[in-house]
């Protein structure tokens, strides 16, 4: 399989694999994600470095967003859910909520796509991911992807999401992607394990727990979310 950054550019090169949570690639309705422990009736709170609202509601429709071009990949941004810039960091703050984790996952792809060289890639990954052995492996595996051409008509775009697990400080979410139109459309998804870092007031990606690798498959059970909304 091509390295992940290359796969973001050419969705047609995605190779299928098993569901990272241990099952097969989904073909029907999603399993109900575990519910966070907070009371959903509690009003959002603010606090932390970036002062974004926290919450526990799991989005059932695509959240409002401004879609920003990151080297031909359209990525969602929101003043409510993030990212909010942090001083001396290439990884922003995201709201402490399932929706904030969703925006974080999408923007992780955008950060990879926008990395112009090995140094910017390394700096981005070291601030956006959990520091564990999986991160070192990820950096080594993806370093070979630089130099892959990025073309506007051949870049897979975000098209939906599906939550697999939701806890107060840990979220597993799949981001759906598609490329092409009509009968030529190819769909795939990438799963993300998002872990809340209270010291930085933001979500980090754990590339060790759920390997960052695309899976070919339909997007049945995914909530539609794309730049046309």
C-alpha atoms as a PDB file:
ATOM      1  CA  UNK A   1       0.000   0.000   0.000  1.00  0.00           C
ATOM      2  CA  UNK A   2       1.200   3.492  -0.705  1.00  0.00           C
ATOM      3  CA  UNK A   3       2.002   5.648   2.296  1.00  0.00           C
ATOM      4  CA  UNK A   4      -0.973   7.404   3.823  1.00  0.00           C
ATOM      5  CA  UNK A   5      -0.206  10.874   2.550  1.00  0.00           C
ATOM      6  CA  UNK A   6      -0.008   9.516  -0.983  1.00  0.00           C
ATOM      7  CA  UNK A   7      -3.271   7.668  -0.399  1.00  0.00           C
ATOM      8  CA  UNK A   8      -4.960  10.939   0.528  1.00  0.00           C
ATOM      9  CA  UNK A   9      -4.005  12.262  -2.880  1.00  0.00           C
ATOM     10  CA  UNK A  10      -5.075   9.191  -4.826  1.00  0.00           C
ATOM     11  CA  UNK A  11      -8.032   7.505  -3.182  1.00  0.00           C
ATOM     12  CA  UNK A  12      -8.024   4.956  -5.977  1.00  0.00           C
ATOM     13  CA  UNK A  13      -4.835   3.499  -4.505  1.00  0.00           C
ATOM     14  CA  UNK A  14      -6.471   2.652  -1.192  1.00  0.00           C
ATOM     15  CA  UNK A  15      -5.951  -0.964  -0.189  1.00  0.00           C
ATOM     16  CA  UNK A  16      -8.628  -2.656   1.914  1.00  0.00           C
ATOM     17  CA  UNK A  17      -7.969  -3.963   5.386  1.00  0.00           C
ATOM     18  CA  UNK A  18      -9.883  -5.138   8.410  1.00  0.00           C
ATOM     19  CA  UNK A  19     -11.738  -2.787  10.703  1.00  0.00           C
ATOM     20  CA  UNK A  20      -9.127  -1.441  13.177  1.00  0.00           C
ATOM     21  CA  UNK A  21     -11.507  -2.068  16.065  1.00  0.00           C
ATOM     22  CA  UNK A  22     -11.279  -5.786  15.449  1.00  0.00           C
ATOM     23  CA  UNK A  23     -14.227  -6.562  13.174  1.00  0.00           C
ATOM     24  CA  UNK A  24     -14.703  -6.592   9.446  1.00  0.00           C
ATOM     25  CA  UNK A  25     -15.253  -3.547   7.278  1.00  0.00           C
ATOM     26  CA  UNK A  26     -18.790  -2.315   8.085  1.00  0.00           C
ATOM     27  CA  UNK A  27     -21.550  -2.996   5.593  1.00  0.00           C
ATOM     28  CA  UNK A  28     -24.633  -2.096   7.584  1.00  0.00           C
ATOM     29  CA  UNK A  29     -25.860   0.308  10.245  1.00  0.00           C
ATOM     30  CA  UNK A  30     -23.223   1.426  12.752  1.00  0.00           C
ATOM     31  CA  UNK A  31     -23.080   0.051  16.238  1.00  0.00           C
ATOM     32  CA  UNK A  32     -24.218   2.507  18.883  1.00  0.00           C
ATOM     33  CA  UNK A  33     -21.173   4.306  20.289  1.00  0.00           C
ATOM     34  CA  UNK A  34     -20.645   4.146  24.026  1.00  0.00           C
ATOM     35  CA  UNK A  35     -22.043   7.244  25.657  1.00  0.00           C
ATOM     36  CA  UNK A  36     -19.917   9.738  27.564  1.00  0.00           C
ATOM     37  CA  UNK A  37     -20.454   9.921  31.272  1.00  0.00           C
ATOM     38  CA  UNK A  38     -21.456  13.594  31.392  1.00  0.00           C
ATOM     39  CA  UNK A  39     -25.096  14.568  31.575  1.00  0.00           C
ATOM     40  CA  UNK A  40     -26.083  15.735  28.089  1.00  0.00           C
ATOM     41  CA  UNK A  41     -28.396  18.357  29.564  1.00  0.00           C
ATOM     42  CA  UNK A  42     -25.444  20.175  31.119  1.00  0.00           C
ATOM     43  CA  UNK A  43     -24.803  23.474  29.316  1.00  0.00           C
ATOM     44  CA  UNK A  44     -21.445  23.788  27.547  1.00  0.00           C
ATOM     45  CA  UNK A  45     -18.596  24.980  29.696  1.00  0.00           C
ATOM     46  CA  UNK A  46     -15.594  27.027  28.682  1.00  0.00           C
ATOM     47  CA  UNK A  47     -12.088  27.092  29.963  1.00  0.00           C
ATOM     48  CA  UNK A  48      -8.519  26.187  29.182  1.00  0.00           C
ATOM     49  CA  UNK A  49      -5.975  27.824  26.943  1.00  0.00           C
ATOM     50  CA  UNK A  50      -8.322  28.295  23.993  1.00  0.00           C
ATOM     51  CA  UNK A  51     -11.596  28.854  25.864  1.00  0.00           C
ATOM     52  CA  UNK A  52     -13.690  26.672  23.554  1.00  0.00           C
ATOM     53  CA  UNK A  53     -16.988  25.193  24.773  1.00  0.00           C
ATOM     54  CA  UNK A  54     -17.009  21.633  26.068  1.00  0.00           C
ATOM     55  CA  UNK A  55     -19.891  19.196  25.812  1.00  0.00           C
ATOM     56  CA  UNK A  56     -20.911  15.572  25.320  1.00  0.00           C
ATOM     57  CA  UNK A  57     -23.474  15.617  22.503  1.00  0.00           C
ATOM     58  CA  UNK A  58     -22.683  13.297  19.604  1.00  0.00           C
ATOM     59  CA  UNK A  59     -23.484  15.075  16.316  1.00  0.00           C
ATOM     60  CA  UNK A  60     -26.197  13.431  14.238  1.00  0.00           C
ATOM     61  CA  UNK A  61     -25.924  15.872  11.316  1.00  0.00           C
ATOM     62  CA  UNK A  62     -22.877  17.429   9.717  1.00  0.00           C
ATOM     63  CA  UNK A  63     -21.815  20.364  11.891  1.00  0.00           C
ATOM     64  CA  UNK A  64     -21.563  23.809  10.325  1.00  0.00           C
ATOM     65  CA  UNK A  65     -18.062  24.576   9.140  1.00  0.00           C
ATOM     66  CA  UNK A  66     -15.972  26.735   6.881  1.00  0.00           C
ATOM     67  CA  UNK A  67     -14.123  24.436   4.488  1.00  0.00           C
ATOM     68  CA  UNK A  68     -10.525  25.501   3.916  1.00  0.00           C
ATOM     69  CA  UNK A  69      -8.268  24.307   1.098  1.00  0.00           C
ATOM     70  CA  UNK A  70      -5.208  22.466   2.396  1.00  0.00           C
ATOM     71  CA  UNK A  71      -3.236  21.524  -0.711  1.00  0.00           C
ATOM     72  CA  UNK A  72      -6.452  20.512  -2.535  1.00  0.00           C
ATOM     73  CA  UNK A  73      -7.983  18.736   0.495  1.00  0.00           C
ATOM     74  CA  UNK A  74     -10.975  20.688   1.853  1.00  0.00           C
ATOM     75  CA  UNK A  75     -10.877  20.686   5.651  1.00  0.00           C
ATOM     76  CA  UNK A  76     -13.545  21.961   8.103  1.00  0.00           C
ATOM     77  CA  UNK A  77     -12.895  24.773  10.561  1.00  0.00           C
ATOM     78  CA  UNK A  78     -15.181  26.347  13.152  1.00  0.00           C
ATOM     79  CA  UNK A  79     -14.897  29.143  15.741  1.00  0.00           C
ATOM     80  CA  UNK A  80     -16.871  26.885  18.110  1.00  0.00           C
ATOM     81  CA  UNK A  81     -15.107  23.559  17.620  1.00  0.00           C
ATOM     82  CA  UNK A  82     -11.676  24.536  16.324  1.00  0.00           C
ATOM     83  CA  UNK A  83      -8.986  24.725  15.391  1.00  0.00           C
ATOM     84  CA  UNK A  84      -7.893  27.753  17.374  1.00  0.00           C
ATOM     85  CA  UNK A  85      -4.231  28.604  16.960  1.00  0.00           C
ATOM     86  CA  UNK A  86      -1.855  27.951  19.831  1.00  0.00           C
ATOM     87  CA  UNK A  87       1.346  29.915  20.255  1.00  0.00           C
ATOM     88  CA  UNK A  88       4.439  28.123  18.934  1.00  0.00           C
ATOM     89  CA  UNK A  89       2.455  25.107  17.750  1.00  0.00           C
ATOM     90  CA  UNK A  90       1.372  23.825  14.354  1.00  0.00           C
ATOM     91  CA  UNK A  91      -1.546  21.965  15.998  1.00  0.00           C
ATOM     92  CA  UNK A  92      -4.483  24.013  17.191  1.00  0.00           C
ATOM     93  CA  UNK A  93      -6.962  23.684  20.023  1.00  0.00           C
ATOM     94  CA  UNK A  94     -10.229  21.803  19.526  1.00  0.00           C
ATOM     95  CA  UNK A  95     -13.322  21.790  21.717  1.00  0.00           C
ATOM     96  CA  UNK A  96     -13.495  19.158  24.469  1.00  0.00           C
ATOM     97  CA  UNK A  97     -16.464  17.381  22.916  1.00  0.00           C
ATOM     98  CA  UNK A  98     -17.176  14.624  20.382  1.00  0.00           C
ATOM     99  CA  UNK A  99     -17.637  17.295  17.718  1.00  0.00           C
ATOM    100  CA  UNK A 100     -14.309  18.861  18.648  1.00  0.00           C
ATOM    101  CA  UNK A 101     -12.670  15.444  18.268  1.00  0.00           C
ATOM    102  CA  UNK A 102     -14.296  15.103  14.835  1.00  0.00           C
ATOM    103  CA  UNK A 103     -12.863  18.444  13.729  1.00  0.00           C
ATOM    104  CA  UNK A 104      -9.487  17.394  15.123  1.00  0.00           C
ATOM    105  CA  UNK A 105      -9.496  14.162  13.112  1.00  0.00           C
ATOM    106  CA  UNK A 106     -10.368  16.001   9.896  1.00  0.00           C
ATOM    107  CA  UNK A 107      -7.723  18.650  10.499  1.00  0.00           C
ATOM    108  CA  UNK A 108      -5.082  16.002  11.155  1.00  0.00           C
ATOM    109  CA  UNK A 109      -5.551  14.902   7.554  1.00  0.00           C
ATOM    110  CA  UNK A 110      -5.324  18.528   6.472  1.00  0.00           C
ATOM    111  CA  UNK A 111      -2.089  19.036   8.381  1.00  0.00           C
ATOM    112  CA  UNK A 112      -0.523  15.998   6.754  1.00  0.00           C
ATOM    113  CA  UNK A 113      -1.696  17.090   3.332  1.00  0.00           C
ATOM    114  CA  UNK A 114      -0.274  20.586   3.815  1.00  0.00           C
ATOM    115  CA  UNK A 115       3.145  19.417   5.058  1.00  0.00           C
ATOM    116  CA  UNK A 116       5.521  20.593   2.356  1.00  0.00           C
ATOM    117  CA  UNK A 117       8.675  18.800   3.436  1.00  0.00           C
ATOM    118  CA  UNK A 118      10.038  16.326   5.968  1.00  0.00           C
ATOM    119  CA  UNK A 119      10.743  19.006   8.562  1.00  0.00           C
ATOM    120  CA  UNK A 120       7.223  20.445   8.533  1.00  0.00           C
ATOM    121  CA  UNK A 121       5.767  16.929   8.583  1.00  0.00           C
ATOM    122  CA  UNK A 122       7.853  15.995  11.620  1.00  0.00           C
ATOM    123  CA  UNK A 123       6.981  19.202  13.479  1.00  0.00           C
ATOM    124  CA  UNK A 124       3.291  18.715  12.795  1.00  0.00           C
ATOM    125  CA  UNK A 125       3.150  15.054  13.811  1.00  0.00           C
ATOM    126  CA  UNK A 126       5.121  15.659  17.018  1.00  0.00           C
ATOM    127  CA  UNK A 127       2.565  18.258  18.178  1.00  0.00           C
ATOM    128  CA  UNK A 128      -0.608  16.568  16.903  1.00  0.00           C
ATOM    129  CA  UNK A 129      -0.115  12.977  18.107  1.00  0.00           C
ATOM    130  CA  UNK A 130       0.274  11.073  21.350  1.00  0.00           C
ATOM    131  CA  UNK A 131       3.924  10.473  22.252  1.00  0.00           C
ATOM    132  CA  UNK A 132       4.276   6.681  22.136  1.00  0.00           C
ATOM    133  CA  UNK A 133       6.193   4.080  20.082  1.00  0.00           C
ATOM    134  CA  UNK A 134       3.464   4.105  17.446  1.00  0.00           C
ATOM    135  CA  UNK A 135       4.292   7.710  16.612  1.00  0.00           C
ATOM    136  CA  UNK A 136       7.900   6.877  15.770  1.00  0.00           C
ATOM    137  CA  UNK A 137       6.735   4.039  13.529  1.00  0.00           C
ATOM    138  CA  UNK A 138       4.217   6.326  11.837  1.00  0.00           C
ATOM    139  CA  UNK A 139       6.872   8.958  11.114  1.00  0.00           C
ATOM    140  CA  UNK A 140       9.201   6.367   9.635  1.00  0.00           C
ATOM    141  CA  UNK A 141       6.492   4.789   7.481  1.00  0.00           C
ATOM    142  CA  UNK A 142       5.143   8.066   6.106  1.00  0.00           C
ATOM    143  CA  UNK A 143       8.448   9.788   5.368  1.00  0.00           C
ATOM    144  CA  UNK A 144       8.595   8.094   1.968  1.00  0.00           C
ATOM    145  CA  UNK A 145       5.377   9.814   0.849  1.00  0.00           C
ATOM    146  CA  UNK A 146       6.948  13.217   0.230  1.00  0.00           C
ATOM    147  CA  UNK A 147       7.247  14.093  -3.412  1.00  0.00           C
ATOM    148  CA  UNK A 148       3.869  12.549  -4.296  1.00  0.00           C
ATOM    149  CA  UNK A 149       2.154  14.972  -6.708  1.00  0.00           C
ATOM    150  CA  UNK A 150      -0.971  16.690  -5.381  1.00  0.00           C
ATOM    151  CA  UNK A 151      -3.609  17.374  -8.000  1.00  0.00           C
ATOM    152  CA  UNK A 152      -6.994  19.059  -7.431  1.00  0.00           C
ATOM    153  CA  UNK A 153      -9.054  16.536  -9.373  1.00  0.00           C
ATOM    154  CA  UNK A 154      -7.385  13.486  -7.871  1.00  0.00           C
ATOM    155  CA  UNK A 155      -7.538  14.303  -4.167  1.00  0.00           C
ATOM    156  CA  UNK A 156     -10.043  12.345  -2.099  1.00  0.00           C
ATOM    157  CA  UNK A 157     -12.433  14.604  -0.183  1.00  0.00           C
ATOM    158  CA  UNK A 158     -14.088  14.293   3.213  1.00  0.00           C
ATOM    159  CA  UNK A 159     -17.658  13.087   2.762  1.00  0.00           C
ATOM    160  CA  UNK A 160     -18.920  11.893   6.159  1.00  0.00           C
ATOM    161  CA  UNK A 161     -18.242  10.535   9.626  1.00  0.00           C
ATOM    162  CA  UNK A 162     -19.226   7.750  11.968  1.00  0.00           C
ATOM    163  CA  UNK A 163     -18.517   7.500  15.702  1.00  0.00           C
ATOM    164  CA  UNK A 164     -17.441   4.094  17.000  1.00  0.00           C
ATOM    165  CA  UNK A 165     -16.631   5.009  20.599  1.00  0.00           C
ATOM    166  CA  UNK A 166     -17.258   8.126  22.672  1.00  0.00           C
ATOM    167  CA  UNK A 167     -15.932   8.736  26.171  1.00  0.00           C
ATOM    168  CA  UNK A 168     -15.215  12.015  27.925  1.00  0.00           C
ATOM    169  CA  UNK A 169     -11.495  11.937  27.048  1.00  0.00           C
ATOM    170  CA  UNK A 170     -11.345   9.392  24.237  1.00  0.00           C
ATOM    171  CA  UNK A 171     -13.154   9.217  20.912  1.00  0.00           C
ATOM    172  CA  UNK A 172     -12.836   6.773  18.020  1.00  0.00           C
ATOM    173  CA  UNK A 173     -14.307   8.199  14.831  1.00  0.00           C
ATOM    174  CA  UNK A 174     -14.176   7.268  11.153  1.00  0.00           C
ATOM    175  CA  UNK A 175     -13.829   9.920   8.468  1.00  0.00           C
ATOM    176  CA  UNK A 176     -15.379   8.962   5.138  1.00  0.00           C
ATOM    177  CA  UNK A 177     -13.693   9.954   1.885  1.00  0.00           C
ATOM    178  CA  UNK A 178     -14.680   9.838  -1.745  1.00  0.00           C
ATOM    179  CA  UNK A 179     -13.050  10.576  -5.064  1.00  0.00           C
ATOM    180  CA  UNK A 180     -14.588  10.712  -8.526  1.00  0.00           C
ATOM    181  CA  UNK A 181     -18.192  11.124  -9.634  1.00  0.00           C
ATOM    182  CA  UNK A 182     -21.108   8.878 -10.562  1.00  0.00           C
ATOM    183  CA  UNK A 183     -20.180   5.288 -11.300  1.00  0.00           C
ATOM    184  CA  UNK A 184     -16.507   6.236 -11.060  1.00  0.00           C
ATOM    185  CA  UNK A 185     -16.770   7.222  -7.378  1.00  0.00           C
ATOM    186  CA  UNK A 186     -14.494   5.376  -4.963  1.00  0.00           C
ATOM    187  CA  UNK A 187     -15.279   5.510  -1.229  1.00  0.00           C
ATOM    188  CA  UNK A 188     -13.087   4.713   1.750  1.00  0.00           C
ATOM    189  CA  UNK A 189     -12.637   5.673   5.387  1.00  0.00           C
ATOM    190  CA  UNK A 190      -9.875   6.287   7.902  1.00  0.00           C
ATOM    191  CA  UNK A 191     -10.334   5.633  11.627  1.00  0.00           C
ATOM    192  CA  UNK A 192      -8.930   7.932  14.290  1.00  0.00           C
ATOM    193  CA  UNK A 193      -8.384   7.407  18.004  1.00  0.00           C
ATOM    194  CA  UNK A 194      -8.567  10.868  19.582  1.00  0.00           C
ATOM    195  CA  UNK A 195      -7.253  11.360  23.121  1.00  0.00           C
ATOM    196  CA  UNK A 196      -7.825  14.512  25.172  1.00  0.00           C
ATOM    197  CA  UNK A 197      -4.644  16.230  26.390  1.00  0.00           C
ATOM    198  CA  UNK A 198      -5.695  18.366  29.351  1.00  0.00           C
ATOM    199  CA  UNK A 199      -2.311  20.108  29.596  1.00  0.00           C
ATOM    200  CA  UNK A 200      -2.611  21.423  26.042  1.00  0.00           C
ATOM    201  CA  UNK A 201      -6.421  21.772  26.057  1.00  0.00           C
ATOM    202  CA  UNK A 202      -6.799  19.900  22.786  1.00  0.00           C
ATOM    203  CA  UNK A 203      -7.294  16.498  21.182  1.00  0.00           C
ATOM    204  CA  UNK A 204      -4.308  14.431  20.033  1.00  0.00           C
ATOM    205  CA  UNK A 205      -4.317  11.549  17.545  1.00  0.00           C
ATOM    206  CA  UNK A 206      -3.144   8.169  18.861  1.00  0.00           C
ATOM    207  CA  UNK A 207      -1.659   6.500  15.788  1.00  0.00           C
ATOM    208  CA  UNK A 208      -0.572   3.503  17.860  1.00  0.00           C
ATOM    209  CA  UNK A 209      -3.990   2.514  19.163  1.00  0.00           C
ATOM    210  CA  UNK A 210      -5.737   2.806  15.793  1.00  0.00           C
ATOM    211  CA  UNK A 211      -3.264   2.704  12.891  1.00  0.00           C
ATOM    212  CA  UNK A 212      -3.813   5.572  10.476  1.00  0.00           C
ATOM    213  CA  UNK A 213      -4.550   3.592   7.333  1.00  0.00           C
ATOM    214  CA  UNK A 214      -7.343   3.886   4.756  1.00  0.00           C
ATOM    215  CA  UNK A 215      -9.886   1.128   4.165  1.00  0.00           C
ATOM    216  CA  UNK A 216     -11.870   0.680   0.966  1.00  0.00           C
ATOM    217  CA  UNK A 217     -15.589   0.292   1.666  1.00  0.00           C
ATOM    218  CA  UNK A 218     -18.996   1.860   1.338  1.00  0.00           C
ATOM    219  CA  UNK A 219     -20.094   4.538   3.766  1.00  0.00           C
ATOM    220  CA  UNK A 220     -23.361   2.970   4.898  1.00  0.00           C
ATOM    221  CA  UNK A 221     -24.226   4.312   8.345  1.00  0.00           C
ATOM    222  CA  UNK A 222     -22.041   7.399   7.951  1.00  0.00           C
ATOM    223  CA  UNK A 223     -23.438  10.887   8.508  1.00  0.00           C
ATOM    224  CA  UNK A 224     -22.967  13.032   5.407  1.00  0.00           C
ATOM    225  CA  UNK A 225     -20.530  15.888   5.939  1.00  0.00           C
ATOM    226  CA  UNK A 226     -18.742  17.665   3.128  1.00  0.00           C
ATOM    227  CA  UNK A 227     -17.849  21.052   1.707  1.00  0.00           C
ATOM    228  CA  UNK A 228     -21.172  21.347  -0.150  1.00  0.00           C
ATOM    229  CA  UNK A 229     -23.153  21.570   3.099  1.00  0.00           C
END
